[in-house]
Amino acid sequence: MALNEVHISSLVVHVVPKHLTEIKTKIESLDGVEIYGESEAGKLVVVVETQNQGYITDTIDVINNLEHVLNVALIFHQIESDLEDDEMSDTQFVSAE
């Protein structure tokens, strides 16, 4: 039984409102990233799930550098560790490569 970990983070992304649809499409194209909520004011709730913390910081940088993104704030970061292999099979993971 291998020891594994899952990193789950939530972000609030503030976007210029008239570019919300465009930015949502770009964010949704990233591996391990889902949008869970949005407002007409240009704010998105984004969840990132991966096997390593480095991918989360890389993802924050990618989103923050998108044109028309005003700010990205890390709101929550949880690390689940000591998961059994069968617990890991239900989760999709990405690499930072």
PDB file of N, CA and C in Angstrom:
ATOM      1  N   MET A   1       0.833  -1.185   0.000  1.00  0.00           N
ATOM      2  CA  MET A   1       0.000   0.000   0.000  1.00  0.00           C
ATOM      3  C   MET A   1       0.873   1.243   0.000  1.00  0.00           C
ATOM      4  N   ALA A   2       0.807   1.970  -1.069  1.00  0.00           N
ATOM      5  CA  ALA A   2       1.617   3.176  -1.210  1.00  0.00           C
ATOM      6  C   ALA A   2       0.963   4.349  -0.498  1.00  0.00           C
ATOM      7  N   LEU A   3       1.822   5.185   0.076  1.00  0.00           N
ATOM      8  CA  LEU A   3       1.313   6.415   0.672  1.00  0.00           C
ATOM      9  C   LEU A   3       1.201   7.454  -0.431  1.00  0.00           C
ATOM     10  N   ASN A   4       0.074   8.087  -0.498  1.00  0.00           N
ATOM     11  CA  ASN A   4      -0.188   9.082  -1.538  1.00  0.00           C
ATOM     12  C   ASN A   4      -0.749  10.329  -0.883  1.00  0.00           C
ATOM     13  N   GLU A   5      -0.696  11.416  -1.617  1.00  0.00           N
ATOM     14  CA  GLU A   5      -1.353  12.610  -1.116  1.00  0.00           C
ATOM     15  C   GLU A   5      -2.075  13.338  -2.235  1.00  0.00           C
ATOM     16  N   VAL A   6      -3.080  14.062  -1.818  1.00  0.00           N
ATOM     17  CA  VAL A   6      -3.888  14.862  -2.724  1.00  0.00           C
ATOM     18  C   VAL A   6      -3.887  16.284  -2.185  1.00  0.00           C
ATOM     19  N   HIS A   7      -3.606  17.230  -3.058  1.00  0.00           N
ATOM     20  CA  HIS A   7      -3.659  18.648  -2.693  1.00  0.00           C
ATOM     21  C   HIS A   7      -4.917  19.235  -3.312  1.00  0.00           C
ATOM     22  N   ILE A   8      -5.738  19.837  -2.467  1.00  0.00           N
ATOM     23  CA  ILE A   8      -6.980  20.457  -2.920  1.00  0.00           C
ATOM     24  C   ILE A   8      -6.922  21.924  -2.499  1.00  0.00           C
ATOM     25  N   SER A   9      -7.066  22.794  -3.471  1.00  0.00           N
ATOM     26  CA  SER A   9      -7.011  24.230  -3.192  1.00  0.00           C
ATOM     27  C   SER A   9      -8.188  24.932  -3.841  1.00  0.00           C
ATOM     28  N   SER A  10      -8.634  25.994  -3.187  1.00  0.00           N
ATOM     29  CA  SER A  10      -9.650  26.827  -3.825  1.00  0.00           C
ATOM     30  C   SER A  10      -9.083  28.231  -3.987  1.00  0.00           C
ATOM     31  N   LEU A  11      -9.477  28.837  -5.090  1.00  0.00           N
ATOM     32  CA  LEU A  11      -9.011  30.162  -5.457  1.00  0.00           C
ATOM     33  C   LEU A  11     -10.214  31.049  -5.749  1.00  0.00           C
ATOM     34  N   VAL A  12     -10.056  32.327  -5.519  1.00  0.00           N
ATOM     35  CA  VAL A  12     -10.995  33.313  -6.043  1.00  0.00           C
ATOM     36  C   VAL A  12     -10.223  34.087  -7.098  1.00  0.00           C
ATOM     37  N   VAL A  13     -10.783  34.089  -8.303  1.00  0.00           N
ATOM     38  CA  VAL A  13     -10.164  34.759  -9.436  1.00  0.00           C
ATOM     39  C   VAL A  13     -11.053  35.940  -9.810  1.00  0.00           C
ATOM     40  N   HIS A  14     -10.458  37.125  -9.831  1.00  0.00           N
ATOM     41  CA  HIS A  14     -11.209  38.333 -10.202  1.00  0.00           C
ATOM     42  C   HIS A  14     -10.814  38.707 -11.625  1.00  0.00           C
ATOM     43  N   VAL A  15     -11.818  38.818 -12.490  1.00  0.00           N
ATOM     44  CA  VAL A  15     -11.635  39.017 -13.922  1.00  0.00           C
ATOM     45  C   VAL A  15     -12.368  40.288 -14.339  1.00  0.00           C
ATOM     46  N   VAL A  16     -11.843  40.969 -15.337  1.00  0.00           N
ATOM     47  CA  VAL A  16     -12.596  42.084 -15.924  1.00  0.00           C
ATOM     48  C   VAL A  16     -13.923  41.490 -16.420  1.00  0.00           C
ATOM     49  N   PRO A  17     -15.064  41.943 -15.903  1.00  0.00           N
ATOM     50  CA  PRO A  17     -16.347  41.284 -16.182  1.00  0.00           C
ATOM     51  C   PRO A  17     -16.657  41.037 -17.656  1.00  0.00           C
ATOM     52  N   LYS A  18     -16.321  41.946 -18.540  1.00  0.00           N
ATOM     53  CA  LYS A  18     -16.675  41.733 -19.945  1.00  0.00           C
ATOM     54  C   LYS A  18     -15.843  40.624 -20.592  1.00  0.00           C
ATOM     55  N   HIS A  19     -14.819  40.131 -19.910  1.00  0.00           N
ATOM     56  CA  HIS A  19     -13.981  39.051 -20.432  1.00  0.00           C
ATOM     57  C   HIS A  19     -14.185  37.746 -19.663  1.00  0.00           C
ATOM     58  N   LEU A  20     -15.250  37.680 -18.874  1.00  0.00           N
ATOM     59  CA  LEU A  20     -15.499  36.519 -18.019  1.00  0.00           C
ATOM     60  C   LEU A  20     -15.607  35.216 -18.811  1.00  0.00           C
ATOM     61  N   THR A  21     -16.359  35.203 -19.872  1.00  0.00           N
ATOM     62  CA  THR A  21     -16.545  33.975 -20.664  1.00  0.00           C
ATOM     63  C   THR A  21     -15.220  33.498 -21.248  1.00  0.00           C
ATOM     64  N   GLU A  22     -14.450  34.408 -21.786  1.00  0.00           N
ATOM     65  CA  GLU A  22     -13.143  34.075 -22.374  1.00  0.00           C
ATOM     66  C   GLU A  22     -12.200  33.467 -21.320  1.00  0.00           C
ATOM     67  N   ILE A  23     -12.129  34.082 -20.155  1.00  0.00           N
ATOM     68  CA  ILE A  23     -11.233  33.607 -19.104  1.00  0.00           C
ATOM     69  C   ILE A  23     -11.714  32.278 -18.539  1.00  0.00           C
ATOM     70  N   LYS A  24     -13.013  32.109 -18.403  1.00  0.00           N
ATOM     71  CA  LYS A  24     -13.544  30.822 -17.932  1.00  0.00           C
ATOM     72  C   LYS A  24     -13.106  29.692 -18.855  1.00  0.00           C
ATOM     73  N   THR A  25     -13.174  29.904 -20.153  1.00  0.00           N
ATOM     74  CA  THR A  25     -12.763  28.885 -21.123  1.00  0.00           C
ATOM     75  C   THR A  25     -11.288  28.537 -20.943  1.00  0.00           C
ATOM     76  N   LYS A  26     -10.457  29.544 -20.746  1.00  0.00           N
ATOM     77  CA  LYS A  26      -9.023  29.295 -20.563  1.00  0.00           C
ATOM     78  C   LYS A  26      -8.748  28.557 -19.259  1.00  0.00           C
ATOM     79  N   ILE A  27      -9.415  28.933 -18.200  1.00  0.00           N
ATOM     80  CA  ILE A  27      -9.215  28.272 -16.910  1.00  0.00           C
ATOM     81  C   ILE A  27      -9.692  26.826 -16.966  1.00  0.00           C
ATOM     82  N   GLU A  28     -10.848  26.598 -17.581  1.00  0.00           N
ATOM     83  CA  GLU A  28     -11.396  25.238 -17.665  1.00  0.00           C
ATOM     84  C   GLU A  28     -10.525  24.314 -18.517  1.00  0.00           C
ATOM     85  N   SER A  29      -9.656  24.867 -19.349  1.00  0.00           N
ATOM     86  CA  SER A  29      -8.781  24.035 -20.173  1.00  0.00           C
ATOM     87  C   SER A  29      -7.576  23.501 -19.400  1.00  0.00           C
ATOM     88  N   LEU A  30      -7.345  24.010 -18.207  1.00  0.00           N
ATOM     89  CA  LEU A  30      -6.216  23.565 -17.393  1.00  0.00           C
ATOM     90  C   LEU A  30      -6.540  22.230 -16.723  1.00  0.00           C
ATOM     91  N   ASP A  31      -5.555  21.346 -16.660  1.00  0.00           N
ATOM     92  CA  ASP A  31      -5.746  20.043 -16.031  1.00  0.00           C
ATOM     93  C   ASP A  31      -5.983  20.180 -14.530  1.00  0.00           C
ATOM     94  N   GLY A  32      -6.934  19.412 -14.019  1.00  0.00           N
ATOM     95  CA  GLY A  32      -7.197  19.366 -12.591  1.00  0.00           C
ATOM     96  C   GLY A  32      -7.867  20.595 -12.033  1.00  0.00           C
ATOM     97  N   VAL A  33      -8.441  21.422 -12.904  1.00  0.00           N
ATOM     98  CA  VAL A  33      -9.035  22.694 -12.485  1.00  0.00           C
ATOM     99  C   VAL A  33     -10.513  22.709 -12.851  1.00  0.00           C
ATOM    100  N   GLU A  34     -11.353  23.121 -11.896  1.00  0.00           N
ATOM    101  CA  GLU A  34     -12.797  23.250 -12.145  1.00  0.00           C
ATOM    102  C   GLU A  34     -13.290  24.573 -11.589  1.00  0.00           C
ATOM    103  N   ILE A  35     -14.260  25.149 -12.267  1.00  0.00           N
ATOM    104  CA  ILE A  35     -14.914  26.365 -11.788  1.00  0.00           C
ATOM    105  C   ILE A  35     -16.196  25.942 -11.078  1.00  0.00           C
ATOM    106  N   TYR A  36     -16.332  26.375  -9.821  1.00  0.00           N
ATOM    107  CA  TYR A  36     -17.489  25.985  -9.021  1.00  0.00           C
ATOM    108  C   TYR A  36     -18.493  27.103  -8.822  1.00  0.00           C
ATOM    109  N   GLY A  37     -18.124  28.309  -9.187  1.00  0.00           N
ATOM    110  CA  GLY A  37     -19.064  29.409  -9.021  1.00  0.00           C
ATOM    111  C   GLY A  37     -18.565  30.646  -9.732  1.00  0.00           C
ATOM    112  N   GLU A  38     -19.497  31.548 -10.007  1.00  0.00           N
ATOM    113  CA  GLU A  38     -19.136  32.795 -10.676  1.00  0.00           C
ATOM    114  C   GLU A  38     -20.137  33.879 -10.329  1.00  0.00           C
ATOM    115  N   SER A  39     -19.704  35.114 -10.510  1.00  0.00           N
ATOM    116  CA  SER A  39     -20.615  36.245 -10.319  1.00  0.00           C
ATOM    117  C   SER A  39     -20.487  37.168 -11.525  1.00  0.00           C
ATOM    118  N   GLU A  40     -21.525  37.941 -11.756  1.00  0.00           N
ATOM    119  CA  GLU A  40     -21.515  38.894 -12.860  1.00  0.00           C
ATOM    120  C   GLU A  40     -20.465  39.982 -12.649  1.00  0.00           C
ATOM    121  N   ALA A  41     -20.006  40.134 -11.416  1.00  0.00           N
ATOM    122  CA  ALA A  41     -18.980  41.134 -11.110  1.00  0.00           C
ATOM    123  C   ALA A  41     -17.592  40.681 -11.554  1.00  0.00           C
ATOM    124  N   GLY A  42     -17.508  39.451 -12.077  1.00  0.00           N
ATOM    125  CA  GLY A  42     -16.240  38.958 -12.600  1.00  0.00           C
ATOM    126  C   GLY A  42     -15.442  38.111 -11.636  1.00  0.00           C
ATOM    127  N   LYS A  43     -16.099  37.551 -10.637  1.00  0.00           N
ATOM    128  CA  LYS A  43     -15.380  36.704  -9.681  1.00  0.00           C
ATOM    129  C   LYS A  43     -15.722  35.238  -9.912  1.00  0.00           C
ATOM    130  N   LEU A  44     -14.682  34.407  -9.861  1.00  0.00           N
ATOM    131  CA  LEU A  44     -14.826  32.965 -10.061  1.00  0.00           C
ATOM    132  C   LEU A  44     -14.305  32.222  -8.841  1.00  0.00           C
ATOM    133  N   VAL A  45     -14.976  31.149  -8.473  1.00  0.00           N
ATOM    134  CA  VAL A  45     -14.475  30.216  -7.464  1.00  0.00           C
ATOM    135  C   VAL A  45     -13.908  29.033  -8.230  1.00  0.00           C
ATOM    136  N   VAL A  46     -12.617  28.806  -8.052  1.00  0.00           N
ATOM    137  CA  VAL A  46     -11.899  27.790  -8.813  1.00  0.00           C
ATOM    138  C   VAL A  46     -11.302  26.782  -7.837  1.00  0.00           C
ATOM    139  N   VAL A  47     -11.416  25.496  -8.158  1.00  0.00           N
ATOM    140  CA  VAL A  47     -10.829  24.437  -7.340  1.00  0.00           C
ATOM    141  C   VAL A  47      -9.765  23.721  -8.158  1.00  0.00           C
ATOM    142  N   VAL A  48      -8.600  23.528  -7.528  1.00  0.00           N
ATOM    143  CA  VAL A  48      -7.474  22.833  -8.154  1.00  0.00           C
ATOM    144  C   VAL A  48      -7.199  21.590  -7.323  1.00  0.00           C
ATOM    145  N   GLU A  49      -7.121  20.432  -7.987  1.00  0.00           N
ATOM    146  CA  GLU A  49      -6.857  19.172  -7.297  1.00  0.00           C
ATOM    147  C   GLU A  49      -5.725  18.452  -8.014  1.00  0.00           C
ATOM    148  N   THR A  50      -4.669  18.111  -7.258  1.00  0.00           N
ATOM    149  CA  THR A  50      -3.495  17.493  -7.854  1.00  0.00           C
ATOM    150  C   THR A  50      -2.729  16.685  -6.822  1.00  0.00           C
ATOM    151  N   GLN A  51      -1.679  16.013  -7.265  1.00  0.00           N
ATOM    152  CA  GLN A  51      -0.853  15.217  -6.361  1.00  0.00           C
ATOM    153  C   GLN A  51       0.296  16.001  -5.759  1.00  0.00           C
ATOM    154  N   ASN A  52       0.545  17.226  -6.229  1.00  0.00           N
ATOM    155  CA  ASN A  52       1.661  17.970  -5.652  1.00  0.00           C
ATOM    156  C   ASN A  52       1.370  19.457  -5.551  1.00  0.00           C
ATOM    157  N   GLN A  53       1.992  20.063  -4.566  1.00  0.00           N
ATOM    158  CA  GLN A  53       1.772  21.485  -4.295  1.00  0.00           C
ATOM    159  C   GLN A  53       2.328  22.364  -5.410  1.00  0.00           C
ATOM    160  N   GLY A  54       3.409  21.932  -6.057  1.00  0.00           N
ATOM    161  CA  GLY A  54       4.019  22.727  -7.120  1.00  0.00           C
ATOM    162  C   GLY A  54       3.070  23.017  -8.258  1.00  0.00           C
ATOM    163  N   TYR A  55       2.203  22.052  -8.586  1.00  0.00           N
ATOM    164  CA  TYR A  55       1.251  22.281  -9.666  1.00  0.00           C
ATOM    165  C   TYR A  55       0.259  23.376  -9.294  1.00  0.00           C
ATOM    166  N   ILE A  56      -0.096  23.450  -8.023  1.00  0.00           N
ATOM    167  CA  ILE A  56      -1.041  24.482  -7.591  1.00  0.00           C
ATOM    168  C   ILE A  56      -0.425  25.866  -7.755  1.00  0.00           C
ATOM    169  N   THR A  57       0.810  26.035  -7.316  1.00  0.00           N
ATOM    170  CA  THR A  57       1.439  27.348  -7.461  1.00  0.00           C
ATOM    171  C   THR A  57       1.668  27.684  -8.932  1.00  0.00           C
ATOM    172  N   ASP A  58       2.013  26.679  -9.738  1.00  0.00           N
ATOM    173  CA  ASP A  58       2.153  26.915 -11.181  1.00  0.00           C
ATOM    174  C   ASP A  58       0.828  27.347 -11.795  1.00  0.00           C
ATOM    175  N   THR A  59      -0.263  26.702 -11.369  1.00  0.00           N
ATOM    176  CA  THR A  59      -1.595  27.026 -11.889  1.00  0.00           C
ATOM    177  C   THR A  59      -1.999  28.445 -11.498  1.00  0.00           C
ATOM    178  N   ILE A  60      -1.709  28.832 -10.268  1.00  0.00           N
ATOM    179  CA  ILE A  60      -2.004  30.198  -9.828  1.00  0.00           C
ATOM    180  C   ILE A  60      -1.261  31.194 -10.710  1.00  0.00           C
ATOM    181  N   ASP A  61       0.008  30.917 -10.989  1.00  0.00           N
ATOM    182  CA  ASP A  61       0.793  31.809 -11.850  1.00  0.00           C
ATOM    183  C   ASP A  61       0.212  31.889 -13.258  1.00  0.00           C
ATOM    184  N   VAL A  62      -0.177  30.741 -13.820  1.00  0.00           N
ATOM    185  CA  VAL A  62      -0.748  30.724 -15.171  1.00  0.00           C
ATOM    186  C   VAL A  62      -2.023  31.563 -15.220  1.00  0.00           C
ATOM    187  N   ILE A  63      -2.913  31.351 -14.258  1.00  0.00           N
ATOM    188  CA  ILE A  63      -4.176  32.098 -14.235  1.00  0.00           C
ATOM    189  C   ILE A  63      -3.911  33.585 -14.020  1.00  0.00           C
ATOM    190  N   ASN A  64      -3.036  33.902 -13.085  1.00  0.00           N
ATOM    191  CA  ASN A  64      -2.736  35.297 -12.773  1.00  0.00           C
ATOM    192  C   ASN A  64      -2.138  36.040 -13.961  1.00  0.00           C
ATOM    193  N   ASN A  65      -1.446  35.324 -14.824  1.00  0.00           N
ATOM    194  CA  ASN A  65      -0.814  35.951 -15.991  1.00  0.00           C
ATOM    195  C   ASN A  65      -1.717  36.030 -17.220  1.00  0.00           C
ATOM    196  N   LEU A  66      -2.950  35.509 -17.125  1.00  0.00           N
ATOM    197  CA  LEU A  66      -3.882  35.635 -18.235  1.00  0.00           C
ATOM    198  C   LEU A  66      -4.305  37.099 -18.379  1.00  0.00           C
ATOM    199  N   GLU A  67      -4.351  37.558 -19.614  1.00  0.00           N
ATOM    200  CA  GLU A  67      -4.816  38.923 -19.849  1.00  0.00           C
ATOM    201  C   GLU A  67      -6.250  39.056 -19.358  1.00  0.00           C
ATOM    202  N   HIS A  68      -6.559  40.140 -18.712  1.00  0.00           N
ATOM    203  CA  HIS A  68      -7.884  40.474 -18.169  1.00  0.00           C
ATOM    204  C   HIS A  68      -8.154  39.842 -16.807  1.00  0.00           C
ATOM    205  N   VAL A  69      -7.178  39.124 -16.230  1.00  0.00           N
ATOM    206  CA  VAL A  69      -7.301  38.647 -14.853  1.00  0.00           C
ATOM    207  C   VAL A  69      -6.710  39.720 -13.958  1.00  0.00           C
ATOM    208  N   LEU A  70      -7.511  40.177 -13.004  1.00  0.00           N
ATOM    209  CA  LEU A  70      -7.081  41.251 -12.117  1.00  0.00           C
ATOM    210  C   LEU A  70      -6.344  40.726 -10.889  1.00  0.00           C
ATOM    211  N   ASN A  71      -6.780  39.564 -10.367  1.00  0.00           N
ATOM    212  CA  ASN A  71      -6.198  39.047  -9.147  1.00  0.00           C
ATOM    213  C   ASN A  71      -6.564  37.577  -8.972  1.00  0.00           C
ATOM    214  N   VAL A  72      -5.664  36.828  -8.373  1.00  0.00           N
ATOM    215  CA  VAL A  72      -5.937  35.447  -7.975  1.00  0.00           C
ATOM    216  C   VAL A  72      -5.575  35.335  -6.502  1.00  0.00           C
ATOM    217  N   ALA A  73      -6.508  34.855  -5.694  1.00  0.00           N
ATOM    218  CA  ALA A  73      -6.259  34.705  -4.261  1.00  0.00           C
ATOM    219  C   ALA A  73      -6.459  33.244  -3.865  1.00  0.00           C
ATOM    220  N   LEU A  74      -5.448  32.680  -3.210  1.00  0.00           N
ATOM    221  CA  LEU A  74      -5.567  31.337  -2.649  1.00  0.00           C
ATOM    222  C   LEU A  74      -6.375  31.443  -1.369  1.00  0.00           C
ATOM    223  N   ILE A  75      -7.495  30.747  -1.320  1.00  0.00           N
ATOM    224  CA  ILE A  75      -8.395  30.827  -0.176  1.00  0.00           C
ATOM    225  C   ILE A  75      -8.237  29.632   0.755  1.00  0.00           C
ATOM    226  N   PHE A  76      -7.966  28.472   0.182  1.00  0.00           N
ATOM    227  CA  PHE A  76      -7.945  27.237   0.971  1.00  0.00           C
ATOM    228  C   PHE A  76      -6.976  26.267   0.330  1.00  0.00           C
ATOM    229  N   HIS A  77      -6.207  25.556   1.168  1.00  0.00           N
ATOM    230  CA  HIS A  77      -5.325  24.495   0.676  1.00  0.00           C
ATOM    231  C   HIS A  77      -5.344  23.372   1.700  1.00  0.00           C
ATOM    232  N   GLN A  78      -5.755  22.213   1.252  1.00  0.00           N
ATOM    233  CA  GLN A  78      -5.825  21.043   2.124  1.00  0.00           C
ATOM    234  C   GLN A  78      -4.987  19.933   1.513  1.00  0.00           C
ATOM    235  N   ILE A  79      -4.294  19.203   2.378  1.00  0.00           N
ATOM    236  CA  ILE A  79      -3.510  18.058   1.926  1.00  0.00           C
ATOM    237  C   ILE A  79      -4.095  16.809   2.573  1.00  0.00           C
ATOM    238  N   GLU A  80      -4.559  15.910   1.740  1.00  0.00           N
ATOM    239  CA  GLU A  80      -5.015  14.604   2.199  1.00  0.00           C
ATOM    240  C   GLU A  80      -3.852  13.644   1.988  1.00  0.00           C
ATOM    241  N   SER A  81      -3.421  12.974   3.038  1.00  0.00           N
ATOM    242  CA  SER A  81      -2.305  12.051   2.886  1.00  0.00           C
ATOM    243  C   SER A  81      -2.671  10.687   3.444  1.00  0.00           C
ATOM    244  N   ASP A  82      -1.766   9.752   3.239  1.00  0.00           N
ATOM    245  CA  ASP A  82      -1.969   8.371   3.692  1.00  0.00           C
ATOM    246  C   ASP A  82      -3.206   7.739   3.087  1.00  0.00           C
ATOM    247  N   LEU A  83      -3.499   8.087   1.851  1.00  0.00           N
ATOM    248  CA  LEU A  83      -4.653   7.518   1.164  1.00  0.00           C
ATOM    249  C   LEU A  83      -4.301   6.143   0.622  1.00  0.00           C
ATOM    250  N   GLU A  84      -5.228   5.259   0.656  1.00  0.00           N
ATOM    251  CA  GLU A  84      -5.042   3.931   0.082  1.00  0.00           C
ATOM    252  C   GLU A  84      -5.151   4.030  -1.433  1.00  0.00           C
ATOM    253  N   ASP A  85      -4.587   3.067  -2.145  1.00  0.00           N
ATOM    254  CA  ASP A  85      -4.627   3.071  -3.601  1.00  0.00           C
ATOM    255  C   ASP A  85      -6.050   3.124  -4.133  1.00  0.00           C
ATOM    256  N   ASP A  86      -7.008   2.431  -3.487  1.00  0.00           N
ATOM    257  CA  ASP A  86      -8.384   2.438  -3.981  1.00  0.00           C
ATOM    258  C   ASP A  86      -9.045   3.797  -3.783  1.00  0.00           C
ATOM    259  N   GLU A  87      -8.623   4.569  -2.771  1.00  0.00           N
ATOM    260  CA  GLU A  87      -9.148   5.921  -2.591  1.00  0.00           C
ATOM    261  C   GLU A  87      -8.633   6.848  -3.687  1.00  0.00           C
ATOM    262  N   MET A  88      -7.437   6.585  -4.175  1.00  0.00           N
ATOM    263  CA  MET A  88      -6.831   7.412  -5.207  1.00  0.00           C
ATOM    264  C   MET A  88      -7.440   7.139  -6.578  1.00  0.00           C
ATOM    265  N   SER A  89      -7.992   5.959  -6.785  1.00  0.00           N
ATOM    266  CA  SER A  89      -8.477   5.590  -8.115  1.00  0.00           C
ATOM    267  C   SER A  89      -9.669   6.410  -8.573  1.00  0.00           C
ATOM    268  N   ASP A  90     -10.406   6.995  -7.648  1.00  0.00           N
ATOM    269  CA  ASP A  90     -11.572   7.797  -8.008  1.00  0.00           C
ATOM    270  C   ASP A  90     -11.213   9.236  -8.353  1.00  0.00           C
ATOM    271  N   THR A  91      -9.945   9.614  -8.208  1.00  0.00           N
ATOM    272  CA  THR A  91      -9.528  10.987  -8.396  1.00  0.00           C
ATOM    273  C   THR A  91      -8.636  11.101  -9.611  1.00  0.00           C
ATOM    274  N   GLN A  92      -8.868  12.116 -10.418  1.00  0.00           N
ATOM    275  CA  GLN A  92      -8.036  12.358 -11.589  1.00  0.00           C
ATOM    276  C   GLN A  92      -6.902  13.307 -11.178  1.00  0.00           C
ATOM    277  N   PHE A  93      -5.690  12.960 -11.580  1.00  0.00           N
ATOM    278  CA  PHE A  93      -4.537  13.771 -11.211  1.00  0.00           C
ATOM    279  C   PHE A  93      -3.790  14.235 -12.434  1.00  0.00           C
ATOM    280  N   VAL A  94      -3.039  15.282 -12.238  1.00  0.00           N
ATOM    281  CA  VAL A  94      -2.231  15.845 -13.314  1.00  0.00           C
ATOM    282  C   VAL A  94      -0.812  16.015 -12.814  1.00  0.00           C
ATOM    283  N   SER A  95       0.103  16.122 -13.718  1.00  0.00           N
ATOM    284  CA  SER A  95       1.476  16.398 -13.331  1.00  0.00           C
ATOM    285  C   SER A  95       1.795  17.846 -13.629  1.00  0.00           C
ATOM    286  N   ALA A  96       2.853  18.333 -13.035  1.00  0.00           N
ATOM    287  CA  ALA A  96       3.262  19.721 -13.231  1.00  0.00           C
ATOM    288  C   ALA A  96       4.096  19.863 -14.504  1.00  0.00           C
ATOM    289  N   GLU A  97       4.309  18.798 -15.225  1.00  0.00           N
ATOM    290  CA  GLU A  97       5.124  18.857 -16.434  1.00  0.00           C
ATOM    291  C   GLU A  97       4.369  19.434 -17.604  1.00  0.00           C
TER     292      GLU A  97
END
